[in-house]
Amino acid sequence: MFAPDNHLGIFAALMGISALAFWLERTRLGAILTGTVIVILLSVLAANLGVIPHQATTYDFVFAYLVPILIPLFLLQGDIRRLLREAYRTAAAFMIASAGTVLGVLVAITLLDLSAAAVNAGIDADKKEAAIAGLFAATYIGGSVNYAALGEVTGLIRDASFFSAATAADNLFSALYLSILGVLPTVGWIANRYHQPATPPPGNNEQIPAPSARSLCFALAAATLLVVSADALTTLSQLPGLRYIWLTLLTLLVATALPRVRFWCAGGFELGIVLSFPFFGSIAAGADIAAMLTVAPILIALVTILLTVHLFCLLVVGRWFKLSLPELLTASNAAVLGATTAPAMAAAKGWKDQITPGVLVGVLGYAMGTLVGNALFHLL
């Protein structure tokens, strides 16, 4: 329906799909799937039915300009002191979840031969496993924003068939994993074996001002200025792979040194969510189902092993540290699916003391995912 050179038409289609996903999220099934999964499924369907193309310059625009802006929009909430004060128990659970992700990645690449999985990425054969390990470590510590960043850092984003297949496997199993997290608290044998905290963490009643035209402008201005500053530091350091690391560190520095910035930029986090939907759609549009079938089996094995080890590590180590099941499951949700779904699940389950920590550790995941994935890629 939209030719690859119809840039505005394709962007309109992405925004229309995003709006439909937000609307469907209000239904019972949509609340379970979440808007992120819905927009990905709808975009895959639209691309494979010929509504939008698999490849277009519009998607390159989204990757080049929207993705870098998303990171500071999310991280402006990331005051490190506030994280330690309000969500230290859930943050501890998140560290366990992140360690489980790294362990799961290492187990998976030990058991599987991933060197031939990405054939067109233009990177050395001996680096392919390291690249895939970094990619999946990033996405299961901080979500899809980190996934895009590591795709660029490792070069895997240039292999359209692999990257779209990996995206499909990632989101399919993320949706399945989310349903498992929702069921676990109802299993009495599991729920009765975990510590219940005596009192909820303080600070959950802090009121953020309602978004205004001014605060949204401040948020966009701050985000773009941080991206430009990070790019300048990247140029000075002459290490292109450090772009997202500089961006993460700069934004956390601003958010911690100026804690009032989250009030000045009220609505910035929500604006980031809005902009993330066409980003998810742009990734998913590249998913050629016929091409995916040749790559998907080994990716399914990879994600299955990774999430199994992640969950086992979370439940076993979390019980040793006497963390509650809501704290552990909120942290795991934030790691695997990001800051948008963790507070939503906490609210749906009635875990009111986990709503704010869910957002905060999700923001921590945005910060950590790119750093850990990058480190793992270079170490391996």
Protein backbone atom coordinates (compact mmCIF):
# COMPACT_ATOMS: atom_id res chain seq x y z
CA MET A 1 0.00 0.00 0.00
CA PHE A 2 2.86 2.40 0.85
CA ALA A 3 5.90 2.42 -1.43
CA PRO A 4 9.35 2.49 0.23
CA ASP A 5 9.84 6.11 -0.88
CA ASN A 6 6.51 7.28 0.59
CA HIS A 7 8.18 8.46 3.79
CA LEU A 8 5.27 10.37 5.30
CA GLY A 9 2.82 7.61 4.43
CA ILE A 10 4.94 4.96 6.13
CA PHE A 11 5.42 7.15 9.21
CA ALA A 12 1.65 7.77 9.30
CA ALA A 13 1.10 4.01 9.14
CA LEU A 14 3.54 3.46 12.03
CA MET A 15 1.79 6.09 14.14
CA GLY A 16 -1.62 4.64 13.24
CA ILE A 17 -0.49 1.17 14.29
CA SER A 18 0.91 2.67 17.51
CA ALA A 19 -2.39 4.41 18.26
CA LEU A 20 -4.30 1.17 17.61
CA ALA A 21 -1.94 -0.68 19.96
CA PHE A 22 -2.57 1.88 22.72
CA TRP A 23 -6.32 1.44 22.22
CA LEU A 24 -6.18 -2.37 22.17
CA GLU A 25 -4.08 -2.30 25.35
CA ARG A 26 -7.27 -1.29 27.20
CA THR A 27 -8.94 -4.61 26.37
CA ARG A 28 -8.55 -7.66 28.61
CA LEU A 29 -6.32 -9.55 26.17
CA GLY A 30 -4.43 -6.38 25.29
CA ALA A 31 -3.64 -5.73 28.94
CA ILE A 32 -2.01 -9.16 29.10
CA LEU A 33 -0.03 -8.75 25.88
CA THR A 34 0.86 -5.05 26.54
CA GLY A 35 1.00 -2.35 23.90
CA THR A 36 4.63 -3.12 23.05
CA VAL A 37 3.85 -6.68 21.97
CA ILE A 38 0.68 -5.57 20.16
CA VAL A 39 2.46 -2.93 18.06
CA ILE A 40 5.12 -5.48 17.09
CA LEU A 41 2.58 -8.11 16.09
CA LEU A 42 0.52 -5.59 14.12
CA SER A 43 3.62 -4.27 12.33
CA VAL A 44 4.78 -7.78 11.40
CA LEU A 45 1.30 -8.47 10.05
CA ALA A 46 1.16 -5.16 8.14
CA ALA A 47 4.57 -5.74 6.54
CA ASN A 48 3.85 -9.31 5.50
CA LEU A 49 0.45 -8.35 4.06
CA GLY A 50 2.05 -5.62 1.97
CA VAL A 51 0.60 -2.62 3.80
CA ILE A 52 4.08 -1.26 4.64
CA PRO A 53 7.43 -2.32 3.16
CA HIS A 54 10.00 -4.50 4.91
CA GLN A 55 12.73 -1.89 4.31
CA ALA A 56 12.42 1.88 3.93
CA THR A 57 14.33 5.09 4.60
CA THR A 58 11.65 5.99 7.15
CA TYR A 59 12.83 3.15 9.39
CA ASP A 60 16.42 4.41 9.10
CA PHE A 61 15.19 7.82 10.26
CA VAL A 62 13.54 6.23 13.31
CA PHE A 63 16.73 4.31 14.19
CA ALA A 64 18.98 7.31 13.62
CA TYR A 65 16.99 9.98 15.47
CA LEU A 66 14.23 8.55 17.65
CA VAL A 67 16.21 5.78 19.34
CA PRO A 68 18.97 8.05 20.76
CA ILE A 69 16.31 10.49 22.03
CA LEU A 70 14.39 7.68 23.75
CA ILE A 71 17.25 6.85 26.12
CA PRO A 72 17.50 10.25 27.88
CA LEU A 73 13.69 10.61 27.91
CA PHE A 74 13.57 7.42 29.98
CA LEU A 75 16.72 8.03 32.01
CA LEU A 76 15.84 11.56 33.18
CA GLN A 77 13.89 9.71 35.88
CA GLY A 78 17.05 7.88 36.95
CA ASP A 79 18.23 9.71 40.08
CA ILE A 80 20.60 7.13 41.58
CA ARG A 81 20.00 8.39 45.15
CA ARG A 82 16.24 8.07 44.74
CA LEU A 83 16.67 4.56 43.40
CA LEU A 84 18.67 3.55 46.47
CA ARG A 85 16.19 5.24 48.84
CA GLU A 86 12.86 4.04 47.44
CA ALA A 87 13.59 0.79 45.67
CA TYR A 88 16.65 -0.77 47.27
CA ARG A 89 14.99 -4.19 47.78
CA THR A 90 13.56 -4.31 44.27
CA ALA A 91 16.90 -2.99 42.96
CA ALA A 92 18.62 -5.92 44.71
CA ALA A 93 16.15 -8.26 43.02
CA PHE A 94 16.91 -6.56 39.70
CA MET A 95 20.64 -7.17 40.15
CA ILE A 96 19.88 -10.87 40.69
CA ALA A 97 17.68 -10.87 37.58
CA SER A 98 20.44 -9.19 35.54
CA ALA A 99 23.02 -11.71 36.77
CA GLY A 100 20.59 -14.47 35.78
CA THR A 101 20.37 -12.98 32.29
CA VAL A 102 24.15 -12.89 31.87
CA LEU A 103 24.45 -16.45 33.18
CA GLY A 104 21.67 -17.55 30.85
CA VAL A 105 23.42 -16.00 27.84
CA LEU A 106 26.70 -17.71 28.72
CA VAL A 107 25.00 -21.09 29.16
CA ALA A 108 23.15 -20.66 25.85
CA ILE A 109 26.23 -19.79 23.78
CA THR A 110 28.08 -22.70 25.41
CA LEU A 111 25.38 -25.19 24.43
CA LEU A 112 24.52 -23.76 20.99
CA ASP A 113 26.54 -23.00 17.86
CA LEU A 114 25.48 -19.45 16.99
CA SER A 115 28.39 -18.59 14.69
CA ALA A 116 26.30 -19.22 11.55
CA ALA A 117 23.09 -17.61 12.79
CA ALA A 118 23.87 -14.15 11.44
CA VAL A 119 25.25 -14.63 7.95
CA ASN A 120 24.98 -11.18 6.38
CA ALA A 121 26.00 -8.88 9.20
CA GLY A 122 29.42 -8.12 7.74
CA ILE A 123 31.26 -9.00 10.96
CA ASP A 124 33.98 -11.58 11.54
CA ALA A 125 32.77 -15.13 12.13
CA ASP A 126 34.52 -15.34 15.49
CA LYS A 127 32.67 -12.23 16.67
CA LYS A 128 29.15 -13.39 15.77
CA GLU A 129 28.55 -15.36 18.96
CA ALA A 130 29.89 -12.47 21.03
CA ALA A 131 27.62 -10.06 19.15
CA ILE A 132 24.53 -12.21 19.69
CA ALA A 133 25.42 -12.67 23.36
CA GLY A 134 25.74 -8.91 23.87
CA LEU A 135 22.50 -8.29 21.97
CA PHE A 136 20.37 -10.65 24.06
CA ALA A 137 22.04 -9.70 27.34
CA ALA A 138 21.16 -6.07 26.62
CA THR A 139 17.52 -6.73 25.72
CA TYR A 140 16.89 -8.97 28.77
CA ILE A 141 18.44 -6.47 31.16
CA GLY A 142 16.82 -3.32 29.82
CA GLY A 143 14.39 -4.02 27.01
CA SER A 144 14.16 -3.19 23.32
CA VAL A 145 15.80 0.26 23.47
CA ASN A 146 19.02 -1.48 24.57
CA TYR A 147 18.40 -4.10 21.90
CA ALA A 148 18.55 -1.45 19.17
CA ALA A 149 21.66 0.14 20.67
CA LEU A 150 23.54 -3.18 20.74
CA GLY A 151 22.31 -4.01 17.26
CA GLU A 152 24.10 -0.88 16.07
CA VAL A 153 27.21 -1.39 18.23
CA THR A 154 27.70 -5.02 17.15
CA GLY A 155 26.71 -4.51 13.51
CA LEU A 156 23.96 -7.14 13.68
CA ILE A 157 21.36 -4.54 12.72
CA ARG A 158 22.79 -4.65 9.17
CA ASP A 159 21.61 -8.27 8.81
CA ALA A 160 17.91 -7.52 8.25
CA SER A 161 16.75 -11.15 8.14
CA PHE A 162 18.59 -12.11 11.32
CA PHE A 163 17.68 -8.95 13.20
CA SER A 164 13.98 -9.23 12.37
CA ALA A 165 14.00 -12.94 13.27
CA ALA A 166 15.72 -12.16 16.56
CA THR A 167 13.14 -9.43 17.22
CA ALA A 168 10.29 -11.84 16.59
CA ALA A 169 11.78 -14.52 18.86
CA ASP A 170 12.53 -11.92 21.53
CA ASN A 171 9.01 -10.52 21.61
CA LEU A 172 7.20 -13.83 21.23
CA PHE A 173 8.99 -15.26 24.25
CA SER A 174 8.74 -11.99 26.17
CA ALA A 175 4.95 -12.21 25.86
CA LEU A 176 5.01 -15.85 26.95
CA TYR A 177 7.34 -15.05 29.85
CA LEU A 178 5.06 -12.22 30.97
CA SER A 179 2.18 -14.67 31.23
CA ILE A 180 4.36 -17.00 33.34
CA LEU A 181 5.19 -14.13 35.71
CA GLY A 182 1.47 -13.44 36.05
CA VAL A 183 0.72 -17.06 36.95
CA LEU A 184 3.54 -17.70 39.46
CA PRO A 185 1.97 -15.75 42.39
CA THR A 186 -1.15 -17.92 42.11
CA VAL A 187 0.86 -21.10 42.71
CA GLY A 188 0.63 -21.55 46.46
CA TRP A 189 3.57 -23.95 46.66
CA ILE A 190 5.83 -21.22 45.26
CA ALA A 191 4.24 -18.15 46.87
CA ASN A 192 4.42 -19.60 50.41
CA ARG A 193 8.18 -20.04 50.22
CA TYR A 194 9.07 -16.37 49.92
CA HIS A 195 9.62 -13.66 52.50
CA GLN A 196 7.02 -10.91 52.91
CA PRO A 197 8.48 -7.44 53.72
CA ALA A 198 7.16 -5.90 56.95
CA THR A 199 6.59 -2.41 55.53
CA PRO A 200 6.50 -0.98 52.02
CA PRO A 201 9.40 1.25 50.96
CA PRO A 202 8.92 4.98 51.57
CA GLY A 203 8.38 7.67 49.01
CA ASN A 204 5.70 6.04 46.84
CA ASN A 205 3.31 8.99 47.24
CA GLU A 206 5.53 11.57 45.56
CA GLN A 207 3.45 13.52 43.04
CA ILE A 208 4.89 14.37 39.62
CA PRO A 209 3.29 17.49 38.08
CA ALA A 210 0.92 16.95 35.18
CA PRO A 211 2.62 17.22 31.77
CA SER A 212 2.34 20.59 30.06
CA ALA A 213 3.46 22.01 26.73
CA ARG A 214 6.39 23.61 28.58
CA SER A 215 7.48 20.44 30.38
CA LEU A 216 7.27 18.37 27.19
CA CYS A 217 9.35 20.99 25.38
CA PHE A 218 11.88 20.91 28.23
CA ALA A 219 12.02 17.10 28.00
CA LEU A 220 12.66 17.11 24.25
CA ALA A 221 15.20 19.92 24.57
CA ALA A 222 17.09 18.12 27.34
CA ALA A 223 17.03 14.81 25.46
CA THR A 224 18.32 16.24 22.18
CA LEU A 225 21.01 18.31 23.92
CA LEU A 226 22.20 15.21 25.77
CA VAL A 227 22.36 13.25 22.51
CA VAL A 228 24.40 16.04 20.87
CA SER A 229 26.73 16.20 23.89
CA ALA A 230 27.22 12.43 23.87
CA ASP A 231 27.96 12.51 20.14
CA ALA A 232 30.56 15.25 20.74
CA LEU A 233 32.25 13.13 23.41
CA THR A 234 32.12 10.12 21.10
CA THR A 235 33.86 12.11 18.38
CA LEU A 236 36.52 13.34 20.79
CA SER A 237 37.17 9.83 22.10
CA GLN A 238 37.29 8.47 18.52
CA LEU A 239 35.44 5.35 19.68
CA PRO A 240 32.06 5.16 17.89
CA GLY A 241 31.00 2.15 19.95
CA LEU A 242 30.91 4.32 23.09
CA ARG A 243 28.07 6.56 21.86
CA TYR A 244 25.33 4.97 23.95
CA ILE A 245 27.60 4.57 26.96
CA TRP A 246 28.39 8.30 26.93
CA LEU A 247 24.66 9.06 26.50
CA THR A 248 23.70 6.82 29.43
CA LEU A 249 26.37 8.20 31.76
CA LEU A 250 25.65 11.84 30.88
CA THR A 251 21.92 11.46 31.43
CA LEU A 252 22.35 9.67 34.77
CA LEU A 253 24.78 12.39 35.86
CA VAL A 254 22.22 15.11 35.05
CA ALA A 255 19.34 13.18 36.66
CA THR A 256 21.32 12.63 39.87
CA ALA A 257 22.95 16.07 40.10
CA LEU A 258 19.66 17.85 39.30
CA PRO A 259 16.92 15.63 40.82
CA ARG A 260 14.29 18.29 40.07
CA VAL A 261 14.81 17.66 36.34
CA ARG A 262 12.14 14.95 36.40
CA PHE A 263 9.63 17.60 37.52
CA TRP A 264 10.80 20.15 34.96
CA CYS A 265 10.48 17.47 32.27
CA ALA A 266 7.16 16.02 33.46
CA GLY A 267 5.68 13.78 30.80
CA GLY A 268 9.06 13.03 29.24
CA PHE A 269 8.88 9.37 30.25
CA GLU A 270 5.40 9.04 28.71
CA LEU A 271 6.63 10.85 25.59
CA GLY A 272 9.41 8.28 25.39
CA ILE A 273 6.82 5.50 25.49
CA VAL A 274 4.88 7.17 22.64
CA LEU A 275 8.03 7.46 20.50
CA SER A 276 9.09 3.91 21.35
CA PHE A 277 6.02 2.43 19.64
CA PRO A 278 6.96 3.52 16.07
CA PHE A 279 10.48 2.33 16.92
CA PHE A 280 9.13 -1.13 17.80
CA GLY A 281 7.06 -1.02 14.62
CA SER A 282 10.09 -0.10 12.50
CA ILE A 283 12.02 -3.08 13.82
CA ALA A 284 9.09 -5.45 13.42
CA ALA A 285 8.37 -4.29 9.86
CA GLY A 286 11.62 -5.91 8.76
CA ALA A 287 10.33 -9.30 9.85
CA ASP A 288 9.99 -11.31 6.66
CA ILE A 289 8.29 -14.43 7.99
CA ALA A 290 9.57 -16.66 5.18
CA ALA A 291 13.14 -15.53 5.82
CA MET A 292 12.74 -15.89 9.59
CA LEU A 293 11.91 -19.59 9.40
CA THR A 294 15.50 -20.41 8.43
CA VAL A 295 16.95 -18.64 11.49
CA ALA A 296 14.21 -18.87 14.13
CA PRO A 297 14.78 -22.44 15.51
CA ILE A 298 18.22 -21.73 16.98
CA LEU A 299 17.02 -18.36 18.30
CA ILE A 300 14.06 -20.06 19.98
CA ALA A 301 16.51 -22.46 21.65
CA LEU A 302 18.70 -19.51 22.69
CA VAL A 303 15.87 -17.53 24.28
CA THR A 304 14.37 -20.63 25.95
CA ILE A 305 17.68 -21.50 27.63
CA LEU A 306 18.34 -17.86 28.56
CA LEU A 307 14.95 -17.24 30.21
CA THR A 308 14.94 -20.63 31.96
CA VAL A 309 18.31 -19.91 33.60
CA HIS A 310 17.21 -16.33 34.34
CA LEU A 311 14.05 -17.44 36.16
CA PHE A 312 15.79 -20.27 38.03
CA CYS A 313 18.55 -17.92 39.24
CA LEU A 314 15.98 -15.29 40.21
CA LEU A 315 13.82 -17.63 42.31
CA VAL A 316 16.66 -19.53 44.00
CA VAL A 317 18.98 -16.62 44.80
CA GLY A 318 16.06 -14.32 45.61
CA ARG A 319 14.82 -16.79 48.23
CA TRP A 320 18.31 -16.97 49.77
CA PHE A 321 18.28 -13.17 50.17
CA LYS A 322 14.75 -13.26 51.65
CA LEU A 323 13.22 -11.09 48.95
CA SER A 324 9.47 -11.27 48.38
CA LEU A 325 7.90 -12.78 45.30
CA PRO A 326 6.36 -9.43 44.20
CA GLU A 327 9.81 -7.80 44.44
CA LEU A 328 11.42 -10.58 42.42
CA LEU A 329 8.74 -10.76 39.74
CA THR A 330 8.56 -6.96 39.34
CA ALA A 331 12.35 -6.86 38.92
CA SER A 332 12.30 -9.70 36.40
CA ASN A 333 9.52 -8.01 34.44
CA ALA A 334 11.52 -4.77 34.36
CA ALA A 335 14.61 -6.61 33.13
CA VAL A 336 12.96 -8.67 30.41
CA LEU A 337 10.27 -6.27 29.21
CA GLY A 338 11.31 -2.82 30.47
CA ALA A 339 9.96 -0.04 32.65
CA THR A 340 6.56 0.16 30.96
CA THR A 341 5.22 -3.29 31.81
CA ALA A 342 6.71 -3.73 35.33
CA PRO A 343 4.55 -1.06 37.04
CA ALA A 344 1.55 -2.15 34.97
CA MET A 345 1.82 -5.72 36.24
CA ALA A 346 2.39 -4.50 39.80
CA ALA A 347 -0.76 -2.37 39.61
CA ALA A 348 -2.79 -5.20 38.09
CA LYS A 349 -1.65 -7.59 40.83
CA GLY A 350 -2.41 -5.08 43.60
CA TRP A 351 1.27 -4.70 44.58
CA LYS A 352 0.98 -0.96 45.18
CA ASP A 353 4.35 -0.77 46.92
CA GLN A 354 6.00 -2.10 43.74
CA ILE A 355 4.63 0.41 41.22
CA THR A 356 7.27 3.14 41.73
CA PRO A 357 10.14 0.65 42.25
CA GLY A 358 9.02 -1.06 39.04
CA VAL A 359 9.52 2.19 37.11
CA LEU A 360 12.83 2.95 38.84
CA VAL A 361 14.45 -0.43 38.28
CA GLY A 362 13.16 -0.36 34.71
CA VAL A 363 15.01 2.91 34.27
CA LEU A 364 18.04 1.27 35.88
CA GLY A 365 17.71 -1.45 33.25
CA TYR A 366 17.80 1.11 30.45
CA ALA A 367 21.05 2.35 31.97
CA MET A 368 22.61 -1.06 32.62
CA GLY A 369 21.49 -3.01 29.57
CA THR A 370 23.62 -1.19 27.02
CA LEU A 371 26.62 -1.10 29.38
CA VAL A 372 26.48 -4.81 30.27
CA GLY A 373 25.71 -5.93 26.71
CA ASN A 374 28.58 -3.83 25.37
CA ALA A 375 30.99 -5.15 27.99
CA LEU A 376 29.96 -8.76 27.35
CA PHE A 377 30.37 -8.31 23.58
CA HIS A 378 33.90 -6.92 23.92
CA LEU A 379 34.97 -9.41 26.61
CA LEU A 380 33.82 -12.38 24.57
